[in-house]
Amino acid sequence: MSMKLAYVNVFVTDLQRSVAFFESTLGLQVKMQSQDFGYASFATEHVGFALAQTEDKSLTGRHTGVGFAVADLPGMHESLVAKGVAFTMQPEKQPWGGFMAMFQDPDGNVYYLDQMDQE
């Protein structure tokens, strides 16, 4: 028997605001949204990504460990900065060979933004 990672949930304090950020600003497509359940999922490949609303602010404003892959990190970074997205780390080559940046959502949750095809 084997397991596969199926989905990741990130806590947010304002579901509508966060859905708007991920849909309008980042360009993710909403798959399902329920204000009654305080939950929204997005149409992503391989691993599901969803937001879960909480009133417990101690669950937000932290490093999520969630990474989004892009083909052109400098271009995506420039586009997102123009849309007002806050970056906690600018795009830079990593000592281990990766090329990445980190950005925040409206709750201060931090995400990776990686260009996966760097040599």
PDB file of N, CA and C in Angstrom:
ATOM      1  N   MET A   1       0.849  -1.181   0.000  1.00  0.00           N
ATOM      2  CA  MET A   1       0.000   0.000   0.000  1.00  0.00           C
ATOM      3  C   MET A   1       0.891   1.239   0.000  1.00  0.00           C
ATOM      4  N   SER A   2       0.538   2.254  -0.794  1.00  0.00           N
ATOM      5  CA  SER A   2       1.321   3.479  -0.814  1.00  0.00           C
ATOM      6  C   SER A   2       0.411   4.686  -0.636  1.00  0.00           C
ATOM      7  N   MET A   3       1.021   5.784  -0.234  1.00  0.00           N
ATOM      8  CA  MET A   3       0.285   7.033  -0.056  1.00  0.00           C
ATOM      9  C   MET A   3       0.821   8.071  -1.023  1.00  0.00           C
ATOM     10  N   LYS A   4      -0.065   8.981  -1.431  1.00  0.00           N
ATOM     11  CA  LYS A   4       0.309  10.128  -2.241  1.00  0.00           C
ATOM     12  C   LYS A   4      -0.228  11.369  -1.552  1.00  0.00           C
ATOM     13  N   LEU A   5       0.516  12.446  -1.626  1.00  0.00           N
ATOM     14  CA  LEU A   5       0.017  13.706  -1.109  1.00  0.00           C
ATOM     15  C   LEU A   5      -1.106  14.170  -2.018  1.00  0.00           C
ATOM     16  N   ALA A   6      -2.280  14.407  -1.453  1.00  0.00           N
ATOM     17  CA  ALA A   6      -3.456  14.744  -2.245  1.00  0.00           C
ATOM     18  C   ALA A   6      -3.779  16.240  -2.236  1.00  0.00           C
ATOM     19  N   TYR A   7      -3.635  16.890  -1.083  1.00  0.00           N
ATOM     20  CA  TYR A   7      -3.991  18.294  -0.994  1.00  0.00           C
ATOM     21  C   TYR A   7      -3.301  18.957   0.189  1.00  0.00           C
ATOM     22  N   VAL A   8      -3.264  20.283   0.126  1.00  0.00           N
ATOM     23  CA  VAL A   8      -2.718  21.118   1.184  1.00  0.00           C
ATOM     24  C   VAL A   8      -3.751  22.191   1.480  1.00  0.00           C
ATOM     25  N   ASN A   9      -4.053  22.392   2.752  1.00  0.00           N
ATOM     26  CA  ASN A   9      -4.947  23.465   3.178  1.00  0.00           C
ATOM     27  C   ASN A   9      -4.134  24.526   3.896  1.00  0.00           C
ATOM     28  N   VAL A  10      -4.422  25.784   3.625  1.00  0.00           N
ATOM     29  CA  VAL A  10      -3.790  26.900   4.312  1.00  0.00           C
ATOM     30  C   VAL A  10      -4.880  27.712   4.989  1.00  0.00           C
ATOM     31  N   PHE A  11      -4.651  28.092   6.243  1.00  0.00           N
ATOM     32  CA  PHE A  11      -5.640  28.856   6.993  1.00  0.00           C
ATOM     33  C   PHE A  11      -5.572  30.346   6.650  1.00  0.00           C
ATOM     34  N   VAL A  12      -6.742  30.950   6.517  1.00  0.00           N
ATOM     35  CA  VAL A  12      -6.889  32.382   6.230  1.00  0.00           C
ATOM     36  C   VAL A  12      -7.996  32.933   7.116  1.00  0.00           C
ATOM     37  N   THR A  13      -7.978  34.253   7.339  1.00  0.00           N
ATOM     38  CA  THR A  13      -8.997  34.844   8.206  1.00  0.00           C
ATOM     39  C   THR A  13     -10.183  35.407   7.438  1.00  0.00           C
ATOM     40  N   ASP A  14     -10.002  35.697   6.167  1.00  0.00           N
ATOM     41  CA  ASP A  14     -11.076  36.262   5.348  1.00  0.00           C
ATOM     42  C   ASP A  14     -11.088  35.499   4.021  1.00  0.00           C
ATOM     43  N   LEU A  15     -11.982  34.539   3.918  1.00  0.00           N
ATOM     44  CA  LEU A  15     -12.005  33.650   2.754  1.00  0.00           C
ATOM     45  C   LEU A  15     -12.192  34.420   1.449  1.00  0.00           C
ATOM     46  N   GLN A  16     -13.145  35.326   1.400  1.00  0.00           N
ATOM     47  CA  GLN A  16     -13.400  36.055   0.148  1.00  0.00           C
ATOM     48  C   GLN A  16     -12.180  36.854  -0.296  1.00  0.00           C
ATOM     49  N   ARG A  17     -11.531  37.534   0.641  1.00  0.00           N
ATOM     50  CA  ARG A  17     -10.341  38.319   0.321  1.00  0.00           C
ATOM     51  C   ARG A  17      -9.228  37.405  -0.203  1.00  0.00           C
ATOM     52  N   SER A  18      -9.041  36.265   0.435  1.00  0.00           N
ATOM     53  CA  SER A  18      -7.982  35.338   0.036  1.00  0.00           C
ATOM     54  C   SER A  18      -8.281  34.666  -1.295  1.00  0.00           C
ATOM     55  N   VAL A  19      -9.528  34.303  -1.521  1.00  0.00           N
ATOM     56  CA  VAL A  19      -9.905  33.723  -2.817  1.00  0.00           C
ATOM     57  C   VAL A  19      -9.629  34.742  -3.919  1.00  0.00           C
ATOM     58  N   ALA A  20      -9.996  35.995  -3.684  1.00  0.00           N
ATOM     59  CA  ALA A  20      -9.734  37.041  -4.678  1.00  0.00           C
ATOM     60  C   ALA A  20      -8.242  37.170  -4.954  1.00  0.00           C
ATOM     61  N   PHE A  21      -7.408  37.082  -3.921  1.00  0.00           N
ATOM     62  CA  PHE A  21      -5.964  37.167  -4.089  1.00  0.00           C
ATOM     63  C   PHE A  21      -5.446  36.023  -4.955  1.00  0.00           C
ATOM     64  N   PHE A  22      -5.820  34.793  -4.621  1.00  0.00           N
ATOM     65  CA  PHE A  22      -5.310  33.643  -5.363  1.00  0.00           C
ATOM     66  C   PHE A  22      -5.902  33.544  -6.768  1.00  0.00           C
ATOM     67  N   GLU A  23      -7.136  33.996  -6.922  1.00  0.00           N
ATOM     68  CA  GLU A  23      -7.769  33.931  -8.241  1.00  0.00           C
ATOM     69  C   GLU A  23      -7.352  35.124  -9.116  1.00  0.00           C
ATOM     70  N   SER A  24      -7.581  36.328  -8.647  1.00  0.00           N
ATOM     71  CA  SER A  24      -7.339  37.512  -9.474  1.00  0.00           C
ATOM     72  C   SER A  24      -5.868  37.896  -9.557  1.00  0.00           C
ATOM     73  N   THR A  25      -5.168  37.812  -8.448  1.00  0.00           N
ATOM     74  CA  THR A  25      -3.774  38.244  -8.429  1.00  0.00           C
ATOM     75  C   THR A  25      -2.828  37.159  -8.922  1.00  0.00           C
ATOM     76  N   LEU A  26      -2.993  35.921  -8.419  1.00  0.00           N
ATOM     77  CA  LEU A  26      -2.081  34.846  -8.804  1.00  0.00           C
ATOM     78  C   LEU A  26      -2.550  34.060 -10.025  1.00  0.00           C
ATOM     79  N   GLY A  27      -3.838  34.153 -10.347  1.00  0.00           N
ATOM     80  CA  GLY A  27      -4.345  33.484 -11.543  1.00  0.00           C
ATOM     81  C   GLY A  27      -4.755  32.035 -11.362  1.00  0.00           C
ATOM     82  N   LEU A  28      -4.957  31.589 -10.116  1.00  0.00           N
ATOM     83  CA  LEU A  28      -5.438  30.221  -9.904  1.00  0.00           C
ATOM     84  C   LEU A  28      -6.942  30.170 -10.157  1.00  0.00           C
ATOM     85  N   GLN A  29      -7.406  29.067 -10.683  1.00  0.00           N
ATOM     86  CA  GLN A  29      -8.831  28.897 -10.983  1.00  0.00           C
ATOM     87  C   GLN A  29      -9.541  28.259  -9.789  1.00  0.00           C
ATOM     88  N   VAL A  30     -10.618  28.885  -9.327  1.00  0.00           N
ATOM     89  CA  VAL A  30     -11.404  28.337  -8.219  1.00  0.00           C
ATOM     90  C   VAL A  30     -12.116  27.078  -8.703  1.00  0.00           C
ATOM     91  N   LYS A  31     -11.978  26.029  -7.944  1.00  0.00           N
ATOM     92  CA  LYS A  31     -12.635  24.748  -8.250  1.00  0.00           C
ATOM     93  C   LYS A  31     -13.951  24.656  -7.487  1.00  0.00           C
ATOM     94  N   MET A  32     -13.927  25.034  -6.210  1.00  0.00           N
ATOM     95  CA  MET A  32     -15.105  24.978  -5.348  1.00  0.00           C
ATOM     96  C   MET A  32     -14.937  26.022  -4.259  1.00  0.00           C
ATOM     97  N   GLN A  33     -16.045  26.680  -3.912  1.00  0.00           N
ATOM     98  CA  GLN A  33     -16.006  27.655  -2.828  1.00  0.00           C
ATOM     99  C   GLN A  33     -17.299  27.571  -2.040  1.00  0.00           C
ATOM    100  N   SER A  34     -17.187  27.530  -0.707  1.00  0.00           N
ATOM    101  CA  SER A  34     -18.361  27.519   0.148  1.00  0.00           C
ATOM    102  C   SER A  34     -18.122  28.451   1.326  1.00  0.00           C
ATOM    103  N   GLN A  35     -18.811  29.575   1.322  1.00  0.00           N
ATOM    104  CA  GLN A  35     -18.705  30.503   2.438  1.00  0.00           C
ATOM    105  C   GLN A  35     -19.270  29.864   3.706  1.00  0.00           C
ATOM    106  N   ASP A  36     -20.320  29.026   3.560  1.00  0.00           N
ATOM    107  CA  ASP A  36     -20.914  28.355   4.720  1.00  0.00           C
ATOM    108  C   ASP A  36     -19.915  27.475   5.445  1.00  0.00           C
ATOM    109  N   PHE A  37     -19.062  26.792   4.689  1.00  0.00           N
ATOM    110  CA  PHE A  37     -18.055  25.913   5.288  1.00  0.00           C
ATOM    111  C   PHE A  37     -16.713  26.623   5.471  1.00  0.00           C
ATOM    112  N   GLY A  38     -16.589  27.845   4.953  1.00  0.00           N
ATOM    113  CA  GLY A  38     -15.343  28.578   5.071  1.00  0.00           C
ATOM    114  C   GLY A  38     -14.205  27.881   4.355  1.00  0.00           C
ATOM    115  N   TYR A  39     -14.475  27.433   3.131  1.00  0.00           N
ATOM    116  CA  TYR A  39     -13.496  26.607   2.415  1.00  0.00           C
ATOM    117  C   TYR A  39     -13.563  26.895   0.920  1.00  0.00           C
ATOM    118  N   ALA A  40     -12.406  26.925   0.302  1.00  0.00           N
ATOM    119  CA  ALA A  40     -12.327  27.080  -1.153  1.00  0.00           C
ATOM    120  C   ALA A  40     -11.150  26.280  -1.662  1.00  0.00           C
ATOM    121  N   SER A  41     -11.347  25.578  -2.769  1.00  0.00           N
ATOM    122  CA  SER A  41     -10.247  24.828  -3.380  1.00  0.00           C
ATOM    123  C   SER A  41     -10.016  25.357  -4.793  1.00  0.00           C
ATOM    124  N   PHE A  42      -8.817  25.095  -5.282  1.00  0.00           N
ATOM    125  CA  PHE A  42      -8.409  25.608  -6.584  1.00  0.00           C
ATOM    126  C   PHE A  42      -8.043  24.463  -7.508  1.00  0.00           C
ATOM    127  N   ALA A  43      -8.215  24.676  -8.794  1.00  0.00           N
ATOM    128  CA  ALA A  43      -7.884  23.671  -9.808  1.00  0.00           C
ATOM    129  C   ALA A  43      -6.377  23.732 -10.052  1.00  0.00           C
ATOM    130  N   THR A  44      -5.653  22.882  -9.360  1.00  0.00           N
ATOM    131  CA  THR A  44      -4.203  22.800  -9.492  1.00  0.00           C
ATOM    132  C   THR A  44      -3.844  21.393  -9.946  1.00  0.00           C
ATOM    133  N   GLU A  45      -2.676  21.259 -10.532  1.00  0.00           N
ATOM    134  CA  GLU A  45      -2.236  19.945 -10.999  1.00  0.00           C
ATOM    135  C   GLU A  45      -1.521  19.198  -9.877  1.00  0.00           C
ATOM    136  N   HIS A  46      -1.638  17.898  -9.890  1.00  0.00           N
ATOM    137  CA  HIS A  46      -0.891  16.978  -9.030  1.00  0.00           C
ATOM    138  C   HIS A  46      -1.287  17.014  -7.557  1.00  0.00           C
ATOM    139  N   VAL A  47      -1.194  18.169  -6.908  1.00  0.00           N
ATOM    140  CA  VAL A  47      -1.536  18.282  -5.490  1.00  0.00           C
ATOM    141  C   VAL A  47      -2.579  19.382  -5.345  1.00  0.00           C
ATOM    142  N   GLY A  48      -3.651  19.095  -4.633  1.00  0.00           N
ATOM    143  CA  GLY A  48      -4.702  20.084  -4.433  1.00  0.00           C
ATOM    144  C   GLY A  48      -4.253  21.193  -3.500  1.00  0.00           C
ATOM    145  N   PHE A  49      -4.788  22.381  -3.719  1.00  0.00           N
ATOM    146  CA  PHE A  49      -4.506  23.532  -2.871  1.00  0.00           C
ATOM    147  C   PHE A  49      -5.831  24.151  -2.470  1.00  0.00           C
ATOM    148  N   ALA A  50      -6.004  24.403  -1.170  1.00  0.00           N
ATOM    149  CA  ALA A  50      -7.263  24.957  -0.684  1.00  0.00           C
ATOM    150  C   ALA A  50      -7.021  25.925   0.461  1.00  0.00           C
ATOM    151  N   LEU A  51      -8.020  26.759   0.708  1.00  0.00           N
ATOM    152  CA  LEU A  51      -8.004  27.714   1.806  1.00  0.00           C
ATOM    153  C   LEU A  51      -9.094  27.343   2.788  1.00  0.00           C
ATOM    154  N   ALA A  52      -8.790  27.413   4.070  1.00  0.00           N
ATOM    155  CA  ALA A  52      -9.759  27.132   5.123  1.00  0.00           C
ATOM    156  C   ALA A  52      -9.820  28.343   6.044  1.00  0.00           C
ATOM    157  N   GLN A  53     -11.013  28.910   6.185  1.00  0.00           N
ATOM    158  CA  GLN A  53     -11.172  30.100   7.018  1.00  0.00           C
ATOM    159  C   GLN A  53     -11.117  29.733   8.486  1.00  0.00           C
ATOM    160  N   THR A  54     -10.441  30.578   9.265  1.00  0.00           N
ATOM    161  CA  THR A  54     -10.349  30.384  10.706  1.00  0.00           C
ATOM    162  C   THR A  54     -10.435  31.728  11.406  1.00  0.00           C
ATOM    163  N   GLU A  55     -10.900  31.722  12.634  1.00  0.00           N
ATOM    164  CA  GLU A  55     -10.879  32.933  13.455  1.00  0.00           C
ATOM    165  C   GLU A  55      -9.634  32.946  14.337  1.00  0.00           C
ATOM    166  N   ASP A  56      -8.901  31.836  14.366  1.00  0.00           N
ATOM    167  CA  ASP A  56      -7.698  31.709  15.185  1.00  0.00           C
ATOM    168  C   ASP A  56      -6.503  32.288  14.426  1.00  0.00           C
ATOM    169  N   LYS A  57      -6.161  33.536  14.726  1.00  0.00           N
ATOM    170  CA  LYS A  57      -5.086  34.219  14.007  1.00  0.00           C
ATOM    171  C   LYS A  57      -3.717  33.599  14.265  1.00  0.00           C
ATOM    172  N   SER A  58      -3.605  32.749  15.263  1.00  0.00           N
ATOM    173  CA  SER A  58      -2.318  32.084  15.500  1.00  0.00           C
ATOM    174  C   SER A  58      -2.027  31.046  14.409  1.00  0.00           C
ATOM    175  N   LEU A  59      -3.036  30.689  13.606  1.00  0.00           N
ATOM    176  CA  LEU A  59      -2.853  29.725  12.523  1.00  0.00           C
ATOM    177  C   LEU A  59      -2.470  30.388  11.202  1.00  0.00           C
ATOM    178  N   THR A  60      -2.401  31.721  11.190  1.00  0.00           N
ATOM    179  CA  THR A  60      -2.067  32.456   9.965  1.00  0.00           C
ATOM    180  C   THR A  60      -0.784  33.253  10.183  1.00  0.00           C
ATOM    181  N   GLY A  61      -0.285  33.845   9.100  1.00  0.00           N
ATOM    182  CA  GLY A  61       0.883  34.693   9.211  1.00  0.00           C
ATOM    183  C   GLY A  61       2.168  33.934   9.433  1.00  0.00           C
ATOM    184  N   ARG A  62       2.264  32.760   8.827  1.00  0.00           N
ATOM    185  CA  ARG A  62       3.442  31.922   9.033  1.00  0.00           C
ATOM    186  C   ARG A  62       3.920  31.342   7.717  1.00  0.00           C
ATOM    187  N   HIS A  63       5.080  30.767   7.760  1.00  0.00           N
ATOM    188  CA  HIS A  63       5.650  30.107   6.589  1.00  0.00           C
ATOM    189  C   HIS A  63       4.858  28.820   6.360  1.00  0.00           C
ATOM    190  N   THR A  64       4.313  28.663   5.149  1.00  0.00           N
ATOM    191  CA  THR A  64       3.465  27.505   4.867  1.00  0.00           C
ATOM    192  C   THR A  64       4.240  26.289   4.381  1.00  0.00           C
ATOM    193  N   GLY A  65       5.400  26.515   3.766  1.00  0.00           N
ATOM    194  CA  GLY A  65       6.127  25.421   3.128  1.00  0.00           C
ATOM    195  C   GLY A  65       5.534  25.034   1.787  1.00  0.00           C
ATOM    196  N   VAL A  66       4.526  25.769   1.324  1.00  0.00           N
ATOM    197  CA  VAL A  66       3.864  25.480   0.052  1.00  0.00           C
ATOM    198  C   VAL A  66       4.607  26.213  -1.060  1.00  0.00           C
ATOM    199  N   GLY A  67       4.913  25.478  -2.130  1.00  0.00           N
ATOM    200  CA  GLY A  67       5.632  26.073  -3.244  1.00  0.00           C
ATOM    201  C   GLY A  67       4.832  26.030  -4.533  1.00  0.00           C
ATOM    202  N   PHE A  68       4.891  27.112  -5.280  1.00  0.00           N
ATOM    203  CA  PHE A  68       4.280  27.202  -6.597  1.00  0.00           C
ATOM    204  C   PHE A  68       5.389  27.260  -7.638  1.00  0.00           C
ATOM    205  N   ALA A  69       5.269  26.453  -8.685  1.00  0.00           N
ATOM    206  CA  ALA A  69       6.268  26.395  -9.747  1.00  0.00           C
ATOM    207  C   ALA A  69       5.868  27.287 -10.908  1.00  0.00           C
ATOM    208  N   VAL A  70       6.829  27.999 -11.451  1.00  0.00           N
ATOM    209  CA  VAL A  70       6.610  28.861 -12.613  1.00  0.00           C
ATOM    210  C   VAL A  70       7.742  28.631 -13.614  1.00  0.00           C
ATOM    211  N   ALA A  71       7.471  28.931 -14.878  1.00  0.00           N
ATOM    212  CA  ALA A  71       8.479  28.753 -15.917  1.00  0.00           C
ATOM    213  C   ALA A  71       9.454  29.924 -15.971  1.00  0.00           C
ATOM    214  N   ASP A  72       8.980  31.117 -15.595  1.00  0.00           N
ATOM    215  CA  ASP A  72       9.797  32.330 -15.690  1.00  0.00           C
ATOM    216  C   ASP A  72       9.698  33.091 -14.370  1.00  0.00           C
ATOM    217  N   LEU A  73      10.578  32.779 -13.437  1.00  0.00           N
ATOM    218  CA  LEU A  73      10.520  33.412 -12.118  1.00  0.00           C
ATOM    219  C   LEU A  73      10.702  34.929 -12.183  1.00  0.00           C
ATOM    220  N   PRO A  74      11.708  35.473 -12.891  1.00  0.00           N
ATOM    221  CA  PRO A  74      11.837  36.929 -12.939  1.00  0.00           C
ATOM    222  C   PRO A  74      10.588  37.609 -13.523  1.00  0.00           C
ATOM    223  N   GLY A  75      10.021  37.029 -14.570  1.00  0.00           N
ATOM    224  CA  GLY A  75       8.824  37.597 -15.174  1.00  0.00           C
ATOM    225  C   GLY A  75       7.627  37.546 -14.245  1.00  0.00           C
ATOM    226  N   MET A  76       7.427  36.403 -13.574  1.00  0.00           N
ATOM    227  CA  MET A  76       6.309  36.281 -12.637  1.00  0.00           C
ATOM    228  C   MET A  76       6.502  37.205 -11.450  1.00  0.00           C
ATOM    229  N   HIS A  77       7.709  37.303 -10.943  1.00  0.00           N
ATOM    230  CA  HIS A  77       8.005  38.207  -9.831  1.00  0.00           C
ATOM    231  C   HIS A  77       7.649  39.641 -10.202  1.00  0.00           C
ATOM    232  N   GLU A  78       8.092  40.080 -11.366  1.00  0.00           N
ATOM    233  CA  GLU A  78       7.810  41.437 -11.834  1.00  0.00           C
ATOM    234  C   GLU A  78       6.302  41.676 -11.950  1.00  0.00           C
ATOM    235  N   SER A  79       5.591  40.703 -12.503  1.00  0.00           N
ATOM    236  CA  SER A  79       4.137  40.818 -12.666  1.00  0.00           C
ATOM    237  C   SER A  79       3.431  40.907 -11.316  1.00  0.00           C
ATOM    238  N   LEU A  80       3.835  40.077 -10.368  1.00  0.00           N
ATOM    239  CA  LEU A  80       3.183  40.071  -9.058  1.00  0.00           C
ATOM    240  C   LEU A  80       3.518  41.318  -8.244  1.00  0.00           C
ATOM    241  N   VAL A  81       4.745  41.804  -8.335  1.00  0.00           N
ATOM    242  CA  VAL A  81       5.103  43.051  -7.658  1.00  0.00           C
ATOM    243  C   VAL A  81       4.246  44.189  -8.195  1.00  0.00           C
ATOM    244  N   ALA A  82       4.026  44.222  -9.507  1.00  0.00           N
ATOM    245  CA  ALA A  82       3.188  45.258 -10.121  1.00  0.00           C
ATOM    246  C   ALA A  82       1.743  45.183  -9.612  1.00  0.00           C
ATOM    247  N   LYS A  83       1.321  43.995  -9.182  1.00  0.00           N
ATOM    248  CA  LYS A  83      -0.032  43.817  -8.640  1.00  0.00           C
ATOM    249  C   LYS A  83      -0.079  44.040  -7.134  1.00  0.00           C
ATOM    250  N   GLY A  84       1.059  44.403  -6.536  1.00  0.00           N
ATOM    251  CA  GLY A  84       1.090  44.709  -5.108  1.00  0.00           C
ATOM    252  C   GLY A  84       1.421  43.548  -4.198  1.00  0.00           C
ATOM    253  N   VAL A  85       1.852  42.418  -4.734  1.00  0.00           N
ATOM    254  CA  VAL A  85       2.192  41.261  -3.900  1.00  0.00           C
ATOM    255  C   VAL A  85       3.493  41.556  -3.150  1.00  0.00           C
ATOM    256  N   ALA A  86       3.484  41.279  -1.851  1.00  0.00           N
ATOM    257  CA  ALA A  86       4.665  41.495  -1.005  1.00  0.00           C
ATOM    258  C   ALA A  86       5.574  40.271  -1.058  1.00  0.00           C
ATOM    259  N   PHE A  87       6.831  40.497  -1.339  1.00  0.00           N
ATOM    260  CA  PHE A  87       7.824  39.424  -1.354  1.00  0.00           C
ATOM    261  C   PHE A  87       8.714  39.531  -0.128  1.00  0.00           C
ATOM    262  N   THR A  88       8.918  38.415   0.545  1.00  0.00           N
ATOM    263  CA  THR A  88       9.813  38.372   1.697  1.00  0.00           C
ATOM    264  C   THR A  88      11.218  37.976   1.280  1.00  0.00           C
ATOM    265  N   MET A  89      11.351  37.447   0.058  1.00  0.00           N
ATOM    266  CA  MET A  89      12.652  37.130  -0.508  1.00  0.00           C
ATOM    267  C   MET A  89      12.569  37.332  -2.010  1.00  0.00           C
ATOM    268  N   GLN A  90      13.454  38.126  -2.544  1.00  0.00           N
ATOM    269  CA  GLN A  90      13.507  38.374  -3.979  1.00  0.00           C
ATOM    270  C   GLN A  90      14.032  37.137  -4.703  1.00  0.00           C
ATOM    271  N   PRO A  91      13.805  37.002  -6.009  1.00  0.00           N
ATOM    272  CA  PRO A  91      14.321  35.849  -6.742  1.00  0.00           C
ATOM    273  C   PRO A  91      15.843  35.772  -6.618  1.00  0.00           C
ATOM    274  N   GLU A  92      16.297  34.610  -6.214  1.00  0.00           N
ATOM    275  CA  GLU A  92      17.745  34.419  -6.135  1.00  0.00           C
ATOM    276  C   GLU A  92      18.106  32.953  -6.279  1.00  0.00           C
ATOM    277  N   LYS A  93      19.276  32.751  -6.831  1.00  0.00           N
ATOM    278  CA  LYS A  93      19.833  31.407  -6.990  1.00  0.00           C
ATOM    279  C   LYS A  93      20.203  30.897  -5.596  1.00  0.00           C
ATOM    280  N   GLN A  94      19.829  29.667  -5.313  1.00  0.00           N
ATOM    281  CA  GLN A  94      20.101  29.075  -4.012  1.00  0.00           C
ATOM    282  C   GLN A  94      21.398  28.271  -4.044  1.00  0.00           C
ATOM    283  N   PRO A  95      22.082  28.144  -2.912  1.00  0.00           N
ATOM    284  CA  PRO A  95      23.338  27.382  -2.864  1.00  0.00           C
ATOM    285  C   PRO A  95      23.168  25.928  -3.326  1.00  0.00           C
ATOM    286  N   TRP A  96      21.959  25.395  -3.170  1.00  0.00           N
ATOM    287  CA  TRP A  96      21.703  24.009  -3.547  1.00  0.00           C
ATOM    288  C   TRP A  96      21.288  23.891  -5.013  1.00  0.00           C
ATOM    289  N   GLY A  97      21.256  25.038  -5.735  1.00  0.00           N
ATOM    290  CA  GLY A  97      20.991  24.997  -7.161  1.00  0.00           C
ATOM    291  C   GLY A  97      19.638  25.514  -7.600  1.00  0.00           C
ATOM    292  N   GLY A  98      18.716  25.676  -6.683  1.00  0.00           N
ATOM    293  CA  GLY A  98      17.390  26.154  -7.038  1.00  0.00           C
ATOM    294  C   GLY A  98      17.368  27.646  -7.319  1.00  0.00           C
ATOM    295  N   PHE A  99      16.281  28.116  -7.901  1.00  0.00           N
ATOM    296  CA  PHE A  99      16.051  29.526  -8.187  1.00  0.00           C
ATOM    297  C   PHE A  99      14.675  29.849  -7.651  1.00  0.00           C
ATOM    298  N   MET A 100      14.585  30.657  -6.593  1.00  0.00           N
ATOM    299  CA  MET A 100      13.309  30.857  -5.934  1.00  0.00           C
ATOM    300  C   MET A 100      13.180  32.235  -5.305  1.00  0.00           C
ATOM    301  N   ALA A 101      11.936  32.544  -4.941  1.00  0.00           N
ATOM    302  CA  ALA A 101      11.563  33.746  -4.205  1.00  0.00           C
ATOM    303  C   ALA A 101      10.503  33.318  -3.194  1.00  0.00           C
ATOM    304  N   MET A 102      10.122  34.216  -2.300  1.00  0.00           N
ATOM    305  CA  MET A 102       9.034  33.932  -1.364  1.00  0.00           C
ATOM    306  C   MET A 102       8.111  35.145  -1.301  1.00  0.00           C
ATOM    307  N   PHE A 103       6.794  34.874  -1.273  1.00  0.00           N
ATOM    308  CA  PHE A 103       5.804  35.951  -1.229  1.00  0.00           C
ATOM    309  C   PHE A 103       4.786  35.679  -0.139  1.00  0.00           C
ATOM    310  N   GLN A 104       4.005  36.737   0.192  1.00  0.00           N
ATOM    311  CA  GLN A 104       2.979  36.641   1.227  1.00  0.00           C
ATOM    312  C   GLN A 104       1.592  36.823   0.645  1.00  0.00           C
ATOM    313  N   ASP A 105       0.621  36.128   1.257  1.00  0.00           N
ATOM    314  CA  ASP A 105      -0.788  36.358   0.935  1.00  0.00           C
ATOM    315  C   ASP A 105      -1.316  37.462   1.853  1.00  0.00           C
ATOM    316  N   PRO A 106      -2.592  37.844   1.750  1.00  0.00           N
ATOM    317  CA  PRO A 106      -3.119  38.933   2.589  1.00  0.00           C
ATOM    318  C   PRO A 106      -3.064  38.668   4.096  1.00  0.00           C
ATOM    319  N   ASP A 107      -2.974  37.390   4.518  1.00  0.00           N
ATOM    320  CA  ASP A 107      -2.872  37.074   5.941  1.00  0.00           C
ATOM    321  C   ASP A 107      -1.420  36.996   6.409  1.00  0.00           C
ATOM    322  N   GLY A 108      -0.469  37.225   5.505  1.00  0.00           N
ATOM    323  CA  GLY A 108       0.936  37.134   5.878  1.00  0.00           C
ATOM    324  C   GLY A 108       1.502  35.729   5.806  1.00  0.00           C
ATOM    325  N   ASN A 109       0.712  34.774   5.277  1.00  0.00           N
ATOM    326  CA  ASN A 109       1.239  33.426   5.062  1.00  0.00           C
ATOM    327  C   ASN A 109       2.290  33.508   3.957  1.00  0.00           C
ATOM    328  N   VAL A 110       3.397  32.807   4.124  1.00  0.00           N
ATOM    329  CA  VAL A 110       4.510  32.882   3.176  1.00  0.00           C
ATOM    330  C   VAL A 110       4.557  31.622   2.321  1.00  0.00           C
ATOM    331  N   TYR A 111       4.788  31.818   1.014  1.00  0.00           N
ATOM    332  CA  TYR A 111       4.834  30.736   0.030  1.00  0.00           C
ATOM    333  C   TYR A 111       6.117  30.843  -0.789  1.00  0.00           C
ATOM    334  N   TYR A 112       6.566  29.703  -1.303  1.00  0.00           N
ATOM    335  CA  TYR A 112       7.686  29.672  -2.241  1.00  0.00           C
ATOM    336  C   TYR A 112       7.165  29.928  -3.651  1.00  0.00           C
ATOM    337  N   LEU A 113       8.000  30.525  -4.476  1.00  0.00           N
ATOM    338  CA  LEU A 113       7.766  30.676  -5.890  1.00  0.00           C
ATOM    339  C   LEU A 113       9.057  30.204  -6.560  1.00  0.00           C
ATOM    340  N   ASP A 114       9.000  29.069  -7.233  1.00  0.00           N
ATOM    341  CA  ASP A 114      10.193  28.411  -7.770  1.00  0.00           C
ATOM    342  C   ASP A 114      10.172  28.300  -9.276  1.00  0.00           C
ATOM    343  N   GLN A 115      11.331  28.531  -9.874  1.00  0.00           N
ATOM    344  CA  GLN A 115      11.530  28.196 -11.280  1.00  0.00           C
ATOM    345  C   GLN A 115      12.216  26.846 -11.276  1.00  0.00           C
ATOM    346  N   MET A 116      11.468  25.822 -11.660  1.00  0.00           N
ATOM    347  CA  MET A 116      11.909  24.440 -11.474  1.00  0.00           C
ATOM    348  C   MET A 116      12.909  23.945 -12.515  1.00  0.00           C
ATOM    349  N   ASP A 117      13.025  24.593 -13.657  1.00  0.00           N
ATOM    350  CA  ASP A 117      13.867  24.060 -14.712  1.00  0.00           C
ATOM    351  C   ASP A 117      15.250  24.700 -14.786  1.00  0.00           C
ATOM    352  N   GLN A 118      15.724  25.277 -13.707  1.00  0.00           N
ATOM    353  CA  GLN A 118      17.061  25.881 -13.693  1.00  0.00           C
ATOM    354  C   GLN A 118      18.134  24.802 -13.760  1.00  0.00           C
ATOM    355  N   GLU A 119      19.196  25.094 -14.471  1.00  0.00           N
ATOM    356  CA  GLU A 119      20.309  24.142 -14.563  1.00  0.00           C
ATOM    357  C   GLU A 119      21.422  24.584 -13.662  1.00  0.00           C
TER     358      GLU A 119
END
